[in-house]
C-alpha cells in the first residue's frame, strides 16, 4: 500500500496497511448500519390533553432503586429483553434468580419527586423503577394514551411488558399510545426514571437548582375516538383585532371531514373542512372581542368538534410583537 505525502510516495508496512483497511471497513459498516437504522418515532402530540376526561393513575407506586441500571441494560449497555419491565414473579426452579419484586417494594407517591419522600433518596441521582397495577376495560373504536405530565429526567414506560415510549426532558408532558398494550381486566405499567446529570444535558453537571427526580406530575389514561383532534391553534390575525385564524388537525380523518369551532360568548359557530393532510384552516370575524392582558386576563371558552370528538378549551387572544432594534 502506498500513500502520497507532500508530493512523494511512501510505502506503508503490511501490518499497518491491514490495520488501516480494518478501520476503514469498520467505519463503512457503521455508516451503513446508521443509514439503515429505523428513524425515531415522532412524538405523539395531544394539544389540550389536560382538557380531556382522564383516568388517574396517581397514588402509591412500587419503587426500586437501581443505581447501576442493571434492570434495563446489560454489561455492554444494551437493552435487555428480560428486564425488570416484565414484572416477573420468582418461581421455584427458575434457572436464573429474579432480583426484584415490585410486590414487596416500598412505595412512592405519584405525582411527586422521590427526594422528599424518602430520606435515603434526598441526594440520590440515578435510575429508579416504578410499578403500578390497574384495572381497565378497553372500548371499541377507541384509542388509549398514557399521558405523562412530567418525569425527570430521562424516562422509559412499559405497559404489560410492552415498551410504549421513551422520553427525555423533565418539564414537558408526553403521551404514549397504549391501545395495543392494554387488555380487559388487570394491567400493570412500569416506568424507569433517571435524573443523572450530564455535561450536555439540562441541568448540567454544575447547576443552581435542586435536581429532583421521579414522576413529578400526574400520570393518567386518556381515551379518544378512532378519529380525533390532536393539535390546534387559534390566534388573532396579525394587524387585526376582529379576525381570528388558525387550524385544527384531525388524526384518522378523510379529506372533507367537518371541523366545528364555537365561541359561545362571542356568538361564533363556524366550521371548515379538512384537506388531504387532515388539517382544516380556520378564519372568521368576531365582534366585541376583549383582548387578554395582565390587568384583565380575559379567557373565552372555545369548543372544537370533529365527528365523535370534542375539546373544550380556554383561550385568551392578544398579539404581542416587537419593532425596531
Protein backbone atom coordinates (compact mmCIF):
# COMPACT_ATOMS: atom_id res chain seq x y z
CA UNK A 1 0.00 0.00 0.00
CA UNK A 2 1.32 3.47 -0.90
CA UNK A 3 0.48 6.93 0.48
CA UNK A 4 1.35 10.25 -1.13
CA UNK A 5 2.90 12.68 1.38
CA UNK A 6 3.98 16.16 0.28
CA UNK A 7 4.20 15.06 -3.33
CA UNK A 8 6.19 11.90 -2.54
CA UNK A 9 5.02 8.32 -2.33
CA UNK A 10 5.75 6.35 0.84
CA UNK A 11 5.34 2.62 1.26
CA UNK A 12 3.23 1.60 4.28
CA UNK A 13 4.24 -1.57 6.16
CA UNK A 14 1.92 -4.53 5.57
CA UNK A 15 0.77 -4.69 9.22
CA UNK A 16 -0.24 -1.02 9.27
CA UNK A 17 -1.89 -1.44 5.88
CA UNK A 18 -4.03 -4.34 7.13
CA UNK A 19 -4.98 -2.44 10.30
CA UNK A 20 -5.90 0.63 8.28
CA UNK A 21 -8.06 -1.48 5.99
CA UNK A 22 -9.87 -2.95 9.01
CA UNK A 23 -10.53 0.53 10.42
CA UNK A 24 -11.90 1.73 7.08
CA UNK A 25 -14.13 -1.35 6.81
CA UNK A 26 -15.47 -0.86 10.34
CA UNK A 27 -16.22 2.80 9.67
CA UNK A 28 -18.01 1.87 6.43
CA UNK A 29 -20.07 -0.79 8.23
CA UNK A 30 -21.02 1.68 10.99
CA UNK A 31 -22.15 4.20 8.37
CA UNK A 32 -24.26 1.58 6.59
CA UNK A 33 -25.88 0.48 9.85
CA UNK A 34 -26.60 4.08 10.86
CA UNK A 35 -28.10 4.84 7.46
CA UNK A 36 -30.34 1.79 7.64
CA UNK A 37 -31.46 2.33 11.22
CA UNK A 38 -35.16 2.97 11.70
CA UNK A 39 -35.92 6.64 12.39
CA UNK A 40 -37.13 7.52 15.86
CA UNK A 41 -40.90 7.57 16.18
CA UNK A 42 -42.40 11.04 16.05
CA UNK A 43 -43.69 12.24 19.43
CA UNK A 44 -47.43 11.96 19.97
CA UNK A 45 -48.90 15.41 20.47
CA UNK A 46 -52.24 15.82 22.23
CA UNK A 47 -52.85 19.54 22.46
CA UNK A 48 -55.29 20.12 25.28
CA UNK A 49 -54.68 16.73 26.86
CA UNK A 50 -55.40 18.25 30.27
CA UNK A 51 -58.83 19.31 28.96
CA UNK A 52 -59.91 15.75 28.23
CA UNK A 53 -61.56 13.30 30.63
CA UNK A 54 -58.85 11.14 32.17
CA UNK A 55 -58.42 8.05 34.34
CA UNK A 56 -55.90 8.95 37.02
CA UNK A 57 -53.07 6.55 37.79
CA UNK A 58 -51.90 8.69 40.66
CA UNK A 59 -51.35 7.31 44.13
CA UNK A 60 -48.81 4.88 45.52
CA UNK A 61 -46.44 3.16 43.10
CA UNK A 62 -43.96 0.42 43.96
CA UNK A 63 -40.37 1.66 43.64
CA UNK A 64 -36.92 0.08 43.34
CA UNK A 65 -33.65 1.98 43.32
CA UNK A 66 -31.31 0.69 40.61
CA UNK A 67 -28.03 2.70 40.67
CA UNK A 68 -26.30 0.53 38.05
CA UNK A 69 -29.43 0.32 35.85
CA UNK A 70 -29.00 -3.43 35.70
CA UNK A 71 -32.75 -3.81 35.41
CA UNK A 72 -32.67 -2.38 31.87
CA UNK A 73 -29.13 -2.53 30.48
CA UNK A 74 -26.61 -5.32 30.10
CA UNK A 75 -22.89 -5.01 30.87
CA UNK A 76 -22.42 -3.68 27.31
CA UNK A 77 -25.23 -1.15 27.79
CA UNK A 78 -27.68 -2.95 25.54
CA UNK A 79 -31.36 -3.02 26.49
CA UNK A 80 -32.26 -6.37 27.97
CA UNK A 81 -35.12 -8.45 26.62
CA UNK A 82 -35.88 -9.80 30.09
CA UNK A 83 -35.56 -6.55 32.04
CA UNK A 84 -37.50 -5.55 35.12
CA UNK A 85 -40.22 -4.06 32.92
CA UNK A 86 -41.58 -7.59 32.53
CA UNK A 87 -42.61 -7.52 36.20
CA UNK A 88 -41.81 -11.21 36.53
CA UNK A 89 -42.51 -13.17 39.68
CA UNK A 90 -40.00 -15.57 41.17
CA UNK A 91 -40.85 -19.24 40.56
CA UNK A 92 -39.34 -22.41 42.07
CA UNK A 93 -36.82 -24.00 39.73
CA UNK A 94 -36.06 -20.86 37.70
CA UNK A 95 -32.54 -21.19 36.17
CA UNK A 96 -31.84 -17.52 36.95
CA UNK A 97 -32.99 -15.77 40.10
CA UNK A 98 -35.37 -12.83 39.88
CA UNK A 99 -33.54 -9.97 41.60
CA UNK A 100 -36.53 -7.71 42.04
CA UNK A 101 -40.09 -7.91 43.33
CA UNK A 102 -42.36 -4.92 42.87
CA UNK A 103 -44.98 -6.56 45.09
CA UNK A 104 -42.64 -6.23 48.08
CA UNK A 105 -41.05 -2.93 47.11
CA UNK A 106 -41.53 0.29 49.13
CA UNK A 107 -44.00 2.87 47.80
CA UNK A 108 -43.59 6.35 46.36
CA UNK A 109 -46.48 8.74 45.80
CA UNK A 110 -47.20 9.87 42.25
CA UNK A 111 -47.17 12.67 41.34
CA UNK A 112 -44.17 13.61 43.42
CA UNK A 113 -40.39 13.64 43.49
CA UNK A 114 -38.53 10.85 45.26
CA UNK A 115 -36.09 13.21 47.05
CA UNK A 116 -38.55 14.49 49.64
CA UNK A 117 -40.46 11.24 50.18
CA UNK A 118 -37.61 9.13 51.50
CA UNK A 119 -34.62 10.38 53.46
CA UNK A 120 -32.26 7.95 51.75
CA UNK A 121 -33.19 9.44 48.36
CA UNK A 122 -32.70 13.11 49.27
CA UNK A 123 -29.40 13.38 47.37
CA UNK A 124 -29.87 10.37 45.08
CA UNK A 125 -29.23 10.82 41.36
CA UNK A 126 -29.73 7.84 39.09
CA UNK A 127 -32.36 5.35 37.91
CA UNK A 128 -35.45 4.43 39.92
CA UNK A 129 -38.10 1.93 38.81
CA UNK A 130 -41.83 2.49 39.35
CA UNK A 131 -44.70 -0.01 39.02
CA UNK A 132 -48.48 0.26 39.39
CA UNK A 133 -51.30 -2.21 38.81
CA UNK A 134 -54.59 -1.00 37.37
CA UNK A 135 -57.85 -2.42 36.06
CA UNK A 136 -59.04 -1.34 32.64
CA UNK A 137 -61.77 -2.11 30.13
CA UNK A 138 -60.88 -1.15 26.52
CA UNK A 139 -63.65 0.24 24.31
CA UNK A 140 -64.29 -0.46 20.64
CA UNK A 141 -63.23 2.16 18.10
CA UNK A 142 -61.26 3.97 20.81
CA UNK A 143 -57.58 4.77 21.18
CA UNK A 144 -55.96 4.90 24.60
CA UNK A 145 -52.97 7.02 25.57
CA UNK A 146 -50.83 7.03 28.68
CA UNK A 147 -50.39 10.73 29.45
CA UNK A 148 -47.33 11.67 31.49
CA UNK A 149 -47.39 15.19 32.92
CA UNK A 150 -43.64 15.10 33.59
CA UNK A 151 -40.88 12.64 34.50
CA UNK A 152 -37.49 13.99 35.47
CA UNK A 153 -35.30 13.48 33.50
CA UNK A 154 -34.98 10.54 31.09
CA UNK A 155 -37.81 8.03 31.29
CA UNK A 156 -38.99 4.76 29.76
CA UNK A 157 -42.51 3.30 30.01
CA UNK A 158 -43.90 -0.21 29.52
CA UNK A 159 -47.47 -1.48 29.80
CA UNK A 160 -47.89 -5.22 30.44
CA UNK A 161 -44.23 -5.70 29.47
CA UNK A 162 -44.56 -3.88 26.13
CA UNK A 163 -42.46 -0.76 25.63
CA UNK A 164 -44.77 2.12 24.77
CA UNK A 165 -42.48 5.16 24.82
CA UNK A 166 -39.24 6.81 25.88
CA UNK A 167 -38.82 10.49 26.66
CA UNK A 168 -36.03 12.89 27.55
CA UNK A 169 -36.85 16.17 29.28
CA UNK A 170 -38.01 16.75 32.82
CA UNK A 171 -40.58 19.52 32.40
CA UNK A 172 -42.59 18.62 29.32
CA UNK A 173 -45.63 16.36 29.13
CA UNK A 174 -45.77 13.49 26.65
CA UNK A 175 -48.08 10.71 25.51
CA UNK A 176 -47.67 7.01 24.84
CA UNK A 177 -50.08 5.07 22.62
CA UNK A 178 -51.08 2.03 24.71
CA UNK A 179 -54.08 0.93 22.63
CA UNK A 180 -52.46 -2.37 21.66
CA UNK A 181 -50.80 -2.90 25.04
CA UNK A 182 -53.79 -2.76 27.41
CA UNK A 183 -56.35 -5.50 27.77
CA UNK A 184 -59.53 -6.15 29.70
CA UNK A 185 -59.00 -6.78 33.39
CA UNK A 186 -55.74 -6.48 35.32
CA UNK A 187 -52.89 -4.50 33.78
CA UNK A 188 -49.61 -3.04 35.01
CA UNK A 189 -47.45 -0.10 34.00
CA UNK A 190 -43.71 0.07 34.69
CA UNK A 191 -41.58 3.20 34.41
CA UNK A 192 -37.85 3.72 34.74
CA UNK A 193 -36.80 7.29 35.55
CA UNK A 194 -33.20 8.51 35.55
CA UNK A 195 -32.23 12.00 36.75
CA UNK A 196 -28.48 11.55 36.26
CA UNK A 197 -26.86 14.83 35.27
CA UNK A 198 -24.67 15.04 32.16
CA UNK A 199 -22.42 17.74 30.79
CA UNK A 200 -24.58 18.37 27.73
CA UNK A 201 -28.00 18.00 29.41
CA UNK A 202 -30.29 20.28 31.38
CA UNK A 203 -29.39 20.50 34.20
CA UNK A 204 -25.66 20.25 33.53
CA UNK A 205 -23.03 19.00 35.98
CA UNK A 206 -22.90 22.44 37.54
CA UNK A 207 -26.41 23.71 38.30
CA UNK A 208 -28.10 26.19 40.61
CA UNK A 209 -31.35 24.33 41.28
CA UNK A 210 -32.24 21.11 43.03
CA UNK A 211 -32.17 18.13 40.70
CA UNK A 212 -35.44 16.48 41.64
CA UNK A 213 -36.14 13.00 40.28
CA UNK A 214 -39.28 10.98 39.73
CA UNK A 215 -42.76 11.06 38.24
CA UNK A 216 -43.32 14.64 39.26
CA UNK A 217 -46.65 15.32 37.58
CA UNK A 218 -49.92 13.48 37.03
CA UNK A 219 -50.00 10.14 35.16
CA UNK A 220 -53.30 9.20 33.53
CA UNK A 221 -55.06 7.28 30.77
CA UNK A 222 -56.83 9.32 28.09
CA UNK A 223 -59.35 7.81 25.70
CA UNK A 224 -60.17 9.33 22.31
CA UNK A 225 -62.28 8.16 19.35
CA UNK A 226 -60.55 6.44 16.44
CA UNK A 227 -60.80 9.79 14.61
CA UNK A 228 -59.72 12.54 16.98
CA UNK A 229 -58.39 16.08 17.34
CA UNK A 230 -54.69 16.00 18.18
CA UNK A 231 -53.45 19.54 17.52
CA UNK A 232 -54.94 23.00 17.03
CA UNK A 233 -54.12 26.69 17.11
CA UNK A 234 -56.30 29.81 17.11
CA UNK A 235 -54.96 33.36 17.25
CA UNK A 236 -55.67 36.91 16.14
CA UNK A 237 -54.77 37.67 12.54
CA UNK A 238 -51.71 39.91 12.62
CA UNK A 239 -52.70 43.55 12.44
CA UNK A 240 -56.38 42.75 13.02
CA UNK A 241 -58.34 42.91 16.27
CA UNK A 242 -61.54 41.34 14.98
CA UNK A 243 -60.31 38.40 12.87
CA UNK A 244 -59.30 35.01 14.31
CA UNK A 245 -57.46 32.46 12.23
CA UNK A 246 -55.75 29.15 12.82
CA UNK A 247 -56.10 25.46 12.13
CA UNK A 248 -57.30 22.16 13.58
CA UNK A 249 -55.67 18.81 12.76
CA UNK A 250 -57.57 15.52 12.82
CA UNK A 251 -55.97 12.07 13.06
CA UNK A 252 -57.67 9.29 11.11
CA UNK A 253 -59.90 11.62 9.10
CA UNK A 254 -60.75 11.53 5.43
CA UNK A 255 -60.46 14.60 3.25
CA UNK A 256 -63.58 16.73 3.70
CA UNK A 257 -64.18 15.92 7.38
CA UNK A 258 -66.13 18.73 9.03
CA UNK A 259 -64.49 20.57 11.92
CA UNK A 260 -66.58 22.88 14.08
CA UNK A 261 -65.38 25.85 16.15
CA UNK A 262 -67.66 27.52 18.68
CA UNK A 263 -67.08 30.50 21.00
CA UNK A 264 -70.46 30.94 22.72
CA UNK A 265 -69.64 34.27 24.41
CA UNK A 266 -68.80 35.84 21.05
CA UNK A 267 -71.65 34.23 19.17
CA UNK A 268 -69.24 32.27 16.98
CA UNK A 269 -70.29 28.96 15.47
CA UNK A 270 -68.32 28.21 12.33
CA UNK A 271 -66.88 25.21 10.52
CA UNK A 272 -64.27 24.18 7.98
CA UNK A 273 -63.31 21.03 6.07
CA UNK A 274 -60.08 19.08 6.38
CA UNK A 275 -57.76 18.64 3.44
CA UNK A 276 -55.90 15.51 2.44
CA UNK A 277 -53.42 16.23 5.25
CA UNK A 278 -56.15 16.13 7.90
CA UNK A 279 -55.84 19.85 8.56
CA UNK A 280 -58.74 22.32 8.49
CA UNK A 281 -57.89 26.01 8.04
CA UNK A 282 -59.91 28.34 10.29
CA UNK A 283 -60.75 32.00 9.55
CA UNK A 284 -63.63 34.06 10.94
CA UNK A 285 -64.58 37.55 12.17
CA UNK A 286 -65.67 38.39 15.71
CA UNK A 287 -67.33 41.39 17.33
CA UNK A 288 -66.80 42.68 20.85
CA UNK A 289 -63.65 40.68 21.49
CA UNK A 290 -61.96 41.66 24.75
CA UNK A 291 -58.26 41.11 24.33
CA UNK A 292 -56.26 39.39 27.04
CA UNK A 293 -53.97 41.49 29.23
CA UNK A 294 -52.20 41.07 32.59
CA UNK A 295 -54.68 43.51 34.12
CA UNK A 296 -57.74 41.82 32.59
CA UNK A 297 -56.74 38.23 31.70
CA UNK A 298 -59.88 37.50 29.67
CA UNK A 299 -60.33 33.86 28.64
CA UNK A 300 -63.02 32.56 26.31
CA UNK A 301 -64.47 29.09 26.24
CA UNK A 302 -63.70 27.54 22.84
CA UNK A 303 -65.28 24.25 21.75
CA UNK A 304 -63.71 22.23 18.92
CA UNK A 305 -65.66 19.37 17.33
CA UNK A 306 -64.88 16.71 14.74
CA UNK A 307 -67.03 13.61 14.36
CA UNK A 308 -67.40 11.96 17.77
CA UNK A 309 -64.58 14.01 19.29
CA UNK A 310 -64.74 17.38 21.04
CA UNK A 311 -62.49 19.51 23.25
CA UNK A 312 -63.48 22.43 25.47
CA UNK A 313 -60.58 24.87 25.73
CA UNK A 314 -59.99 28.24 27.41
CA UNK A 315 -58.22 30.80 25.22
CA UNK A 316 -57.08 34.38 25.50
CA UNK A 317 -56.45 36.46 22.38
CA UNK A 318 -53.80 39.12 22.02
CA UNK A 319 -50.98 39.91 19.61
CA UNK A 320 -47.57 40.67 21.11
CA UNK A 321 -44.74 41.88 18.90
CA UNK A 322 -41.59 43.99 18.96
CA UNK A 323 -40.49 46.61 16.44
CA UNK A 324 -37.07 48.01 15.75
CA UNK A 325 -33.79 47.04 17.35
